[in-house]
Amino acid sequence: VSLEELDELRSGQAAALRQRGIRTLGDLSELKPREARSVLGPDALKLMSLVRGADRREDRMRGGRMERAVSSLCRRAAKRLSEGRVGARGLELCLYYRDGVSLERYTIMPLPARVFEDLESSALGLLRLFPTRREPVVGLSLTATGLSHLPGQLPFNARPRDVRVSSGRI
């Protein structure tokens, strides 16, 4: 998953990472704390927590590691949907496993959603549909599809594009 998927990463930070040969979120997750601080500056701890799916904010402490990672993606997707003033009718969750297998689950929501709680509820429901596998999950992505302008909103563009957010190492 490319560095551009991490919304919180500034362009200068991404450029500095690429100069060191770091091109993906998986590469970024392998950085040692000292190296991360030297490249990312004061944002290092926050960014590394997001990439590793270990954001420790109080509202994300419930549930296990996967649930927290999915919640983190939902928060990022909700932010992008709100900025674009669009709602999503579909939601796709994809898990990437260490052995190269990726599995996807998809749902259609009754009303266009763009708030965190609606996205999180649907995404956690999707997470429960995945089979248990021996191989560990090494990444995940959440894609909001079927985007449409919400009632009462003036469209800024003719057809909104899907919103996809990803996390590297889990």
N, C-alpha and C. Protein backbone atom coordinates (compact mmCIF):
# COMPACT_ATOMS: atom_id res chain seq x y z
N VAL A 1 0.85 -1.16 0.00
CA VAL A 1 0.00 0.00 0.00
C VAL A 1 0.91 1.23 0.00
N SER A 2 0.66 2.16 -0.90
CA SER A 2 1.56 3.31 -1.07
C SER A 2 1.44 4.29 0.09
N LEU A 3 2.48 5.11 0.25
CA LEU A 3 2.52 6.12 1.31
C LEU A 3 1.38 7.12 1.19
N GLU A 4 0.92 7.38 -0.02
CA GLU A 4 -0.13 8.37 -0.26
C GLU A 4 -1.44 8.00 0.43
N GLU A 5 -1.61 6.74 0.80
CA GLU A 5 -2.84 6.31 1.46
C GLU A 5 -2.94 6.83 2.89
N LEU A 6 -1.83 7.24 3.47
CA LEU A 6 -1.83 7.76 4.83
C LEU A 6 -2.09 9.26 4.77
N ASP A 7 -3.34 9.65 4.98
CA ASP A 7 -3.76 11.04 4.85
C ASP A 7 -2.98 11.99 5.74
N GLU A 8 -2.57 11.52 6.90
CA GLU A 8 -1.89 12.38 7.87
C GLU A 8 -0.45 12.67 7.50
N LEU A 9 0.11 11.99 6.52
CA LEU A 9 1.50 12.16 6.11
C LEU A 9 1.61 13.38 5.20
N ARG A 10 2.44 14.36 5.61
CA ARG A 10 2.63 15.56 4.80
C ARG A 10 3.54 15.25 3.62
N SER A 11 3.45 16.04 2.56
CA SER A 11 4.23 15.78 1.34
C SER A 11 5.73 15.82 1.60
N GLY A 12 6.20 16.71 2.46
CA GLY A 12 7.63 16.77 2.78
C GLY A 12 8.10 15.51 3.49
N GLN A 13 7.25 14.98 4.35
CA GLN A 13 7.59 13.74 5.05
C GLN A 13 7.64 12.57 4.07
N ALA A 14 6.66 12.53 3.16
CA ALA A 14 6.63 11.46 2.15
C ALA A 14 7.88 11.52 1.27
N ALA A 15 8.29 12.72 0.88
CA ALA A 15 9.48 12.88 0.05
C ALA A 15 10.73 12.40 0.80
N ALA A 16 10.84 12.74 2.08
CA ALA A 16 11.98 12.30 2.88
C ALA A 16 12.01 10.78 3.02
N LEU A 17 10.85 10.17 3.16
CA LEU A 17 10.78 8.71 3.25
C LEU A 17 11.21 8.06 1.93
N ARG A 18 10.73 8.61 0.81
CA ARG A 18 11.10 8.05 -0.49
C ARG A 18 12.61 8.15 -0.73
N GLN A 19 13.25 9.22 -0.26
CA GLN A 19 14.70 9.36 -0.40
C GLN A 19 15.44 8.25 0.33
N ARG A 20 14.84 7.72 1.36
CA ARG A 20 15.44 6.62 2.12
C ARG A 20 15.00 5.26 1.60
N GLY A 21 14.28 5.25 0.48
CA GLY A 21 13.85 3.99 -0.12
C GLY A 21 12.57 3.42 0.46
N ILE A 22 11.87 4.20 1.25
CA ILE A 22 10.63 3.75 1.87
C ILE A 22 9.49 4.20 0.97
N ARG A 23 8.80 3.23 0.37
CA ARG A 23 7.77 3.54 -0.62
C ARG A 23 6.36 3.09 -0.23
N THR A 24 6.27 2.20 0.75
CA THR A 24 4.96 1.65 1.13
C THR A 24 4.73 1.82 2.63
N LEU A 25 3.48 1.65 3.05
CA LEU A 25 3.17 1.70 4.47
C LEU A 25 3.83 0.54 5.20
N GLY A 26 3.97 -0.60 4.54
CA GLY A 26 4.67 -1.72 5.14
C GLY A 26 6.12 -1.39 5.42
N ASP A 27 6.79 -0.72 4.45
CA ASP A 27 8.17 -0.27 4.67
C ASP A 27 8.24 0.69 5.84
N LEU A 28 7.30 1.61 5.88
CA LEU A 28 7.26 2.62 6.94
C LEU A 28 7.10 1.96 8.31
N SER A 29 6.27 0.93 8.39
CA SER A 29 6.01 0.28 9.67
C SER A 29 7.26 -0.41 10.24
N GLU A 30 8.25 -0.67 9.40
CA GLU A 30 9.48 -1.34 9.83
C GLU A 30 10.52 -0.38 10.43
N LEU A 31 10.29 0.93 10.32
CA LEU A 31 11.26 1.89 10.84
C LEU A 31 11.44 1.75 12.34
N LYS A 32 12.65 1.89 12.78
CA LYS A 32 12.97 1.93 14.21
C LYS A 32 12.54 3.30 14.74
N PRO A 33 12.20 3.40 16.03
CA PRO A 33 11.72 4.68 16.59
C PRO A 33 12.65 5.86 16.33
N ARG A 34 13.95 5.67 16.50
CA ARG A 34 14.89 6.78 16.31
C ARG A 34 14.90 7.26 14.86
N GLU A 35 14.90 6.30 13.91
CA GLU A 35 14.89 6.66 12.50
C GLU A 35 13.58 7.36 12.13
N ALA A 36 12.47 6.87 12.67
CA ALA A 36 11.16 7.49 12.39
C ALA A 36 11.15 8.94 12.87
N ARG A 37 11.68 9.19 14.06
CA ARG A 37 11.72 10.56 14.57
C ARG A 37 12.59 11.46 13.71
N SER A 38 13.71 10.91 13.21
CA SER A 38 14.61 11.75 12.40
C SER A 38 13.99 12.11 11.05
N VAL A 39 13.15 11.23 10.51
CA VAL A 39 12.54 11.50 9.21
C VAL A 39 11.20 12.23 9.34
N LEU A 40 10.40 11.84 10.32
CA LEU A 40 9.03 12.36 10.44
C LEU A 40 8.90 13.51 11.42
N GLY A 41 9.90 13.74 12.23
CA GLY A 41 9.85 14.83 13.19
C GLY A 41 8.89 14.56 14.33
N PRO A 42 8.27 15.61 14.87
CA PRO A 42 7.42 15.46 16.05
C PRO A 42 6.16 14.62 15.80
N ASP A 43 5.79 14.41 14.54
CA ASP A 43 4.61 13.60 14.22
C ASP A 43 4.90 12.11 14.20
N ALA A 44 6.14 11.71 14.45
CA ALA A 44 6.56 10.32 14.27
C ALA A 44 5.70 9.34 15.07
N LEU A 45 5.50 9.60 16.35
CA LEU A 45 4.76 8.66 17.19
C LEU A 45 3.34 8.47 16.68
N LYS A 46 2.66 9.57 16.38
CA LYS A 46 1.28 9.50 15.89
C LYS A 46 1.22 8.74 14.56
N LEU A 47 2.10 9.09 13.62
CA LEU A 47 2.08 8.44 12.31
C LEU A 47 2.41 6.96 12.40
N MET A 48 3.39 6.61 13.20
CA MET A 48 3.76 5.20 13.33
C MET A 48 2.63 4.41 13.99
N SER A 49 1.92 5.01 14.94
CA SER A 49 0.78 4.34 15.56
C SER A 49 -0.32 4.09 14.55
N LEU A 50 -0.57 5.07 13.69
CA LEU A 50 -1.59 4.89 12.65
C LEU A 50 -1.20 3.79 11.68
N VAL A 51 0.05 3.80 11.24
CA VAL A 51 0.52 2.80 10.27
C VAL A 51 0.46 1.40 10.86
N ARG A 52 0.76 1.29 12.12
CA ARG A 52 0.77 -0.03 12.77
C ARG A 52 -0.60 -0.41 13.33
N GLY A 53 -1.60 0.45 13.13
CA GLY A 53 -2.94 0.13 13.60
C GLY A 53 -3.04 0.12 15.11
N ALA A 54 -2.24 0.95 15.77
CA ALA A 54 -2.19 0.92 17.22
C ALA A 54 -2.53 2.27 17.83
N ASP A 55 -3.38 3.04 17.18
CA ASP A 55 -3.77 4.34 17.72
C ASP A 55 -4.41 4.12 19.08
N ARG A 56 -3.96 4.84 20.09
CA ARG A 56 -4.38 4.58 21.46
C ARG A 56 -5.39 5.60 22.01
N ARG A 57 -6.07 6.36 21.19
CA ARG A 57 -7.05 7.30 21.70
C ARG A 57 -8.13 6.55 22.48
N GLU A 58 -8.68 7.21 23.47
CA GLU A 58 -9.64 6.56 24.37
C GLU A 58 -10.82 5.93 23.63
N ASP A 59 -11.34 6.62 22.59
CA ASP A 59 -12.52 6.09 21.91
C ASP A 59 -12.19 4.87 21.06
N ARG A 60 -10.93 4.50 20.98
CA ARG A 60 -10.56 3.33 20.18
C ARG A 60 -10.04 2.19 21.04
N MET A 61 -10.11 2.31 22.34
CA MET A 61 -9.52 1.31 23.21
C MET A 61 -10.39 0.06 23.33
N ARG A 62 -11.65 0.17 23.01
CA ARG A 62 -12.50 -1.02 23.12
C ARG A 62 -12.16 -1.99 22.00
N GLY A 63 -12.40 -3.26 22.25
CA GLY A 63 -12.15 -4.25 21.21
C GLY A 63 -10.68 -4.58 21.05
N GLY A 64 -10.40 -5.48 20.13
CA GLY A 64 -9.04 -5.93 19.88
C GLY A 64 -8.31 -5.08 18.88
N ARG A 65 -7.13 -5.55 18.53
CA ARG A 65 -6.24 -4.83 17.62
C ARG A 65 -6.89 -4.61 16.26
N MET A 66 -7.54 -5.62 15.69
CA MET A 66 -8.18 -5.47 14.38
C MET A 66 -9.32 -4.47 14.44
N GLU A 67 -10.12 -4.53 15.51
CA GLU A 67 -11.23 -3.59 15.64
C GLU A 67 -10.72 -2.15 15.73
N ARG A 68 -9.63 -1.95 16.46
CA ARG A 68 -9.06 -0.60 16.57
C ARG A 68 -8.54 -0.13 15.22
N ALA A 69 -7.92 -1.04 14.46
CA ALA A 69 -7.39 -0.67 13.14
C ALA A 69 -8.54 -0.29 12.20
N VAL A 70 -9.61 -1.07 12.22
CA VAL A 70 -10.78 -0.77 11.38
C VAL A 70 -11.41 0.56 11.80
N SER A 71 -11.51 0.81 13.09
CA SER A 71 -12.07 2.07 13.58
C SER A 71 -11.22 3.25 13.12
N SER A 72 -9.91 3.08 13.14
CA SER A 72 -9.02 4.13 12.68
C SER A 72 -9.27 4.44 11.20
N LEU A 73 -9.43 3.40 10.38
CA LEU A 73 -9.72 3.61 8.96
C LEU A 73 -11.06 4.30 8.77
N CYS A 74 -12.04 3.93 9.58
CA CYS A 74 -13.37 4.55 9.47
C CYS A 74 -13.30 6.04 9.79
N ARG A 75 -12.50 6.40 10.80
CA ARG A 75 -12.37 7.81 11.15
C ARG A 75 -11.75 8.59 9.99
N ARG A 76 -10.73 8.02 9.35
CA ARG A 76 -10.09 8.68 8.21
C ARG A 76 -11.04 8.78 7.03
N ALA A 77 -11.80 7.71 6.76
CA ALA A 77 -12.75 7.73 5.65
C ALA A 77 -13.85 8.77 5.90
N ALA A 78 -14.34 8.83 7.13
CA ALA A 78 -15.40 9.80 7.47
C ALA A 78 -14.90 11.23 7.25
N LYS A 79 -13.65 11.47 7.59
CA LYS A 79 -13.08 12.80 7.38
C LYS A 79 -13.06 13.15 5.89
N ARG A 80 -12.63 12.22 5.07
CA ARG A 80 -12.59 12.47 3.62
C ARG A 80 -13.98 12.64 3.03
N LEU A 81 -14.93 11.83 3.46
CA LEU A 81 -16.30 11.94 2.95
C LEU A 81 -16.90 13.30 3.33
N SER A 82 -16.68 13.72 4.56
CA SER A 82 -17.21 15.01 5.00
C SER A 82 -16.57 16.15 4.23
N GLU A 83 -15.26 16.07 3.99
CA GLU A 83 -14.58 17.11 3.22
C GLU A 83 -15.14 17.21 1.81
N GLY A 84 -15.49 16.06 1.22
CA GLY A 84 -16.03 16.04 -0.13
C GLY A 84 -17.53 16.25 -0.18
N ARG A 85 -18.14 16.37 1.00
CA ARG A 85 -19.59 16.56 1.11
C ARG A 85 -20.37 15.50 0.36
N VAL A 86 -19.93 14.25 0.54
CA VAL A 86 -20.59 13.12 -0.10
C VAL A 86 -20.87 12.03 0.93
N GLY A 87 -21.79 11.16 0.58
CA GLY A 87 -22.11 10.00 1.39
C GLY A 87 -21.82 8.74 0.61
N ALA A 88 -21.56 7.66 1.31
CA ALA A 88 -21.24 6.36 0.68
C ALA A 88 -22.40 5.40 0.84
N ARG A 89 -22.77 4.73 -0.23
CA ARG A 89 -23.81 3.70 -0.16
C ARG A 89 -23.21 2.32 0.04
N GLY A 90 -21.94 2.15 -0.32
CA GLY A 90 -21.29 0.85 -0.17
C GLY A 90 -20.00 0.98 0.62
N LEU A 91 -19.61 -0.13 1.24
CA LEU A 91 -18.39 -0.17 2.02
C LEU A 91 -17.72 -1.53 1.78
N GLU A 92 -16.42 -1.48 1.43
CA GLU A 92 -15.66 -2.70 1.20
C GLU A 92 -14.47 -2.73 2.15
N LEU A 93 -14.32 -3.85 2.85
CA LEU A 93 -13.19 -4.06 3.75
C LEU A 93 -12.35 -5.19 3.17
N CYS A 94 -11.05 -4.95 3.06
CA CYS A 94 -10.14 -5.95 2.51
C CYS A 94 -9.03 -6.20 3.52
N LEU A 95 -8.78 -7.49 3.81
CA LEU A 95 -7.68 -7.88 4.70
C LEU A 95 -6.59 -8.52 3.85
N TYR A 96 -5.34 -8.13 4.11
CA TYR A 96 -4.18 -8.67 3.40
C TYR A 96 -3.38 -9.52 4.38
N TYR A 97 -3.12 -10.77 3.99
CA TYR A 97 -2.43 -11.71 4.87
C TYR A 97 -0.97 -11.88 4.46
N ARG A 98 -0.16 -12.34 5.41
CA ARG A 98 1.27 -12.49 5.17
C ARG A 98 1.59 -13.44 4.03
N ASP A 99 0.74 -14.43 3.78
CA ASP A 99 1.01 -15.39 2.70
C ASP A 99 0.58 -14.88 1.33
N GLY A 100 0.19 -13.60 1.23
CA GLY A 100 -0.17 -13.01 -0.06
C GLY A 100 -1.64 -13.08 -0.39
N VAL A 101 -2.43 -13.76 0.41
CA VAL A 101 -3.87 -13.86 0.19
C VAL A 101 -4.54 -12.57 0.65
N SER A 102 -5.52 -12.11 -0.11
CA SER A 102 -6.34 -10.99 0.32
C SER A 102 -7.80 -11.41 0.22
N LEU A 103 -8.57 -11.06 1.22
CA LEU A 103 -9.99 -11.38 1.26
C LEU A 103 -10.78 -10.08 1.40
N GLU A 104 -11.93 -10.02 0.74
CA GLU A 104 -12.77 -8.82 0.77
C GLU A 104 -14.18 -9.16 1.20
N ARG A 105 -14.81 -8.21 1.86
CA ARG A 105 -16.22 -8.30 2.20
C ARG A 105 -16.82 -6.94 1.87
N TYR A 106 -18.07 -6.94 1.41
CA TYR A 106 -18.73 -5.73 0.94
C TYR A 106 -20.14 -5.66 1.49
N THR A 107 -20.59 -4.45 1.78
CA THR A 107 -21.98 -4.26 2.21
C THR A 107 -22.55 -3.01 1.55
N ILE A 108 -23.85 -3.01 1.39
CA ILE A 108 -24.57 -1.83 0.89
C ILE A 108 -25.35 -1.28 2.08
N MET A 109 -25.23 0.02 2.27
CA MET A 109 -25.89 0.67 3.41
C MET A 109 -27.22 1.26 2.96
N PRO A 110 -28.22 1.26 3.83
CA PRO A 110 -29.55 1.72 3.44
C PRO A 110 -29.60 3.21 3.06
N LEU A 111 -28.78 4.02 3.70
CA LEU A 111 -28.71 5.45 3.40
C LEU A 111 -27.25 5.84 3.21
N PRO A 112 -27.00 6.85 2.38
CA PRO A 112 -25.60 7.30 2.23
C PRO A 112 -25.02 7.72 3.58
N ALA A 113 -23.87 7.19 3.90
CA ALA A 113 -23.24 7.45 5.20
C ALA A 113 -21.95 8.24 5.01
N ARG A 114 -21.68 9.12 5.96
CA ARG A 114 -20.40 9.83 5.96
C ARG A 114 -19.89 10.10 7.36
N VAL A 115 -20.67 9.76 8.37
CA VAL A 115 -20.22 9.99 9.74
C VAL A 115 -19.53 8.74 10.28
N PHE A 116 -18.58 8.96 11.16
CA PHE A 116 -17.75 7.89 11.71
C PHE A 116 -18.57 6.73 12.27
N GLU A 117 -19.57 7.03 13.09
CA GLU A 117 -20.31 5.97 13.76
C GLU A 117 -21.01 5.04 12.77
N ASP A 118 -21.58 5.59 11.71
CA ASP A 118 -22.25 4.76 10.71
C ASP A 118 -21.25 3.89 9.95
N LEU A 119 -20.12 4.48 9.58
CA LEU A 119 -19.09 3.72 8.87
C LEU A 119 -18.51 2.64 9.77
N GLU A 120 -18.24 2.99 11.02
CA GLU A 120 -17.64 2.03 11.95
C GLU A 120 -18.58 0.85 12.19
N SER A 121 -19.85 1.13 12.39
CA SER A 121 -20.81 0.06 12.63
C SER A 121 -20.84 -0.94 11.46
N SER A 122 -20.88 -0.42 10.24
CA SER A 122 -20.90 -1.29 9.06
C SER A 122 -19.58 -2.03 8.88
N ALA A 123 -18.46 -1.33 9.07
CA ALA A 123 -17.15 -1.95 8.87
C ALA A 123 -16.88 -3.04 9.90
N LEU A 124 -17.24 -2.82 11.16
CA LEU A 124 -17.04 -3.85 12.17
C LEU A 124 -17.94 -5.05 11.91
N GLY A 125 -19.12 -4.81 11.36
CA GLY A 125 -19.97 -5.92 10.94
C GLY A 125 -19.31 -6.75 9.85
N LEU A 126 -18.67 -6.06 8.90
CA LEU A 126 -17.93 -6.77 7.85
C LEU A 126 -16.77 -7.56 8.42
N LEU A 127 -16.06 -6.99 9.37
CA LEU A 127 -14.90 -7.67 9.97
C LEU A 127 -15.30 -9.01 10.57
N ARG A 128 -16.49 -9.08 11.16
CA ARG A 128 -16.96 -10.33 11.77
C ARG A 128 -17.25 -11.42 10.72
N LEU A 129 -17.38 -11.03 9.45
CA LEU A 129 -17.68 -12.00 8.39
C LEU A 129 -16.44 -12.73 7.86
N PHE A 130 -15.24 -12.27 8.22
CA PHE A 130 -14.03 -12.89 7.71
C PHE A 130 -13.75 -14.21 8.43
N PRO A 131 -13.28 -15.21 7.68
CA PRO A 131 -12.94 -16.48 8.33
C PRO A 131 -11.66 -16.34 9.16
N THR A 132 -11.51 -17.20 10.14
CA THR A 132 -10.29 -17.23 10.93
C THR A 132 -9.22 -17.94 10.12
N ARG A 133 -8.03 -17.32 10.03
CA ARG A 133 -6.91 -17.93 9.29
C ARG A 133 -5.70 -17.96 10.20
N ARG A 134 -4.84 -18.93 9.94
CA ARG A 134 -3.58 -19.04 10.70
C ARG A 134 -2.62 -17.89 10.37
N GLU A 135 -2.61 -17.49 9.11
CA GLU A 135 -1.69 -16.43 8.68
C GLU A 135 -2.10 -15.09 9.29
N PRO A 136 -1.13 -14.31 9.75
CA PRO A 136 -1.47 -13.00 10.32
C PRO A 136 -1.85 -11.99 9.24
N VAL A 137 -2.69 -11.06 9.63
CA VAL A 137 -3.07 -9.94 8.77
C VAL A 137 -1.92 -8.94 8.79
N VAL A 138 -1.48 -8.51 7.60
CA VAL A 138 -0.38 -7.55 7.51
C VAL A 138 -0.84 -6.19 6.99
N GLY A 139 -2.08 -6.09 6.58
CA GLY A 139 -2.60 -4.81 6.10
C GLY A 139 -4.09 -4.89 5.89
N LEU A 140 -4.72 -3.75 5.82
CA LEU A 140 -6.14 -3.72 5.51
C LEU A 140 -6.49 -2.42 4.82
N SER A 141 -7.59 -2.46 4.07
CA SER A 141 -8.06 -1.26 3.41
C SER A 141 -9.58 -1.19 3.53
N LEU A 142 -10.07 0.02 3.51
CA LEU A 142 -11.50 0.27 3.58
C LEU A 142 -11.83 1.22 2.44
N THR A 143 -12.79 0.83 1.61
CA THR A 143 -13.18 1.66 0.47
C THR A 143 -14.65 2.01 0.58
N ALA A 144 -14.94 3.31 0.55
CA ALA A 144 -16.31 3.79 0.52
C ALA A 144 -16.69 3.96 -0.95
N THR A 145 -17.75 3.29 -1.39
CA THR A 145 -18.15 3.29 -2.79
C THR A 145 -19.57 3.83 -2.95
N GLY A 146 -19.99 3.94 -4.19
CA GLY A 146 -21.34 4.43 -4.47
C GLY A 146 -21.54 5.82 -3.90
N LEU A 147 -20.56 6.68 -4.08
CA LEU A 147 -20.62 8.01 -3.49
C LEU A 147 -21.61 8.90 -4.22
N SER A 148 -22.32 9.67 -3.44
CA SER A 148 -23.26 10.62 -4.02
C SER A 148 -23.31 11.85 -3.14
N HIS A 149 -23.65 12.97 -3.75
CA HIS A 149 -23.80 14.21 -2.99
C HIS A 149 -25.01 14.07 -2.10
N LEU A 150 -24.89 14.55 -0.90
CA LEU A 150 -25.99 14.44 0.06
C LEU A 150 -27.09 15.42 -0.29
N PRO A 151 -28.33 15.12 0.07
CA PRO A 151 -29.43 16.04 -0.22
C PRO A 151 -29.14 17.42 0.35
N GLY A 152 -29.42 18.44 -0.44
CA GLY A 152 -29.19 19.80 -0.01
C GLY A 152 -27.77 20.29 -0.24
N GLN A 153 -26.90 19.44 -0.78
CA GLN A 153 -25.53 19.83 -1.05
C GLN A 153 -25.38 20.15 -2.54
N LEU A 154 -24.69 21.21 -2.83
CA LEU A 154 -24.39 21.53 -4.22
C LEU A 154 -23.18 20.72 -4.65
N PRO A 155 -23.27 20.00 -5.76
CA PRO A 155 -22.12 19.21 -6.20
C PRO A 155 -20.98 20.08 -6.69
N PHE A 156 -19.77 19.77 -6.21
CA PHE A 156 -18.58 20.48 -6.68
C PHE A 156 -17.99 19.79 -7.90
N ASN A 157 -18.28 18.54 -8.06
CA ASN A 157 -17.83 17.81 -9.25
C ASN A 157 -18.97 16.89 -9.69
N ALA A 158 -18.94 16.48 -10.93
CA ALA A 158 -20.05 15.71 -11.48
C ALA A 158 -20.22 14.36 -10.80
N ARG A 159 -19.14 13.60 -10.68
CA ARG A 159 -19.24 12.26 -10.11
C ARG A 159 -18.10 12.05 -9.12
N PRO A 160 -18.41 11.95 -7.82
CA PRO A 160 -17.36 11.77 -6.84
C PRO A 160 -16.66 10.41 -7.00
N ARG A 161 -15.38 10.39 -6.68
CA ARG A 161 -14.60 9.16 -6.75
C ARG A 161 -14.69 8.41 -5.43
N ASP A 162 -14.49 7.07 -5.50
CA ASP A 162 -14.48 6.27 -4.29
C ASP A 162 -13.42 6.79 -3.33
N VAL A 163 -13.64 6.60 -2.06
CA VAL A 163 -12.69 6.98 -1.02
C VAL A 163 -12.08 5.70 -0.47
N ARG A 164 -10.74 5.59 -0.54
CA ARG A 164 -10.04 4.40 -0.06
C ARG A 164 -9.00 4.81 0.96
N VAL A 165 -9.01 4.16 2.12
CA VAL A 165 -8.01 4.37 3.14
C VAL A 165 -7.42 3.03 3.52
N SER A 166 -6.12 3.01 3.82
CA SER A 166 -5.43 1.76 4.10
C SER A 166 -4.53 1.90 5.31
N SER A 167 -4.19 0.76 5.87
CA SER A 167 -3.24 0.70 6.96
C SER A 167 -2.22 -0.37 6.63
N GLY A 168 -0.99 -0.10 6.95
CA GLY A 168 0.07 -1.08 6.71
C GLY A 168 0.01 -2.18 7.73
N ARG A 169 1.09 -2.43 8.40
CA ARG A 169 1.22 -3.53 9.34
C ARG A 169 0.21 -3.43 10.47
N ILE A 170 -0.42 -4.54 10.79
CA ILE A 170 -1.44 -4.59 11.86
C ILE A 170 -0.86 -5.30 13.07
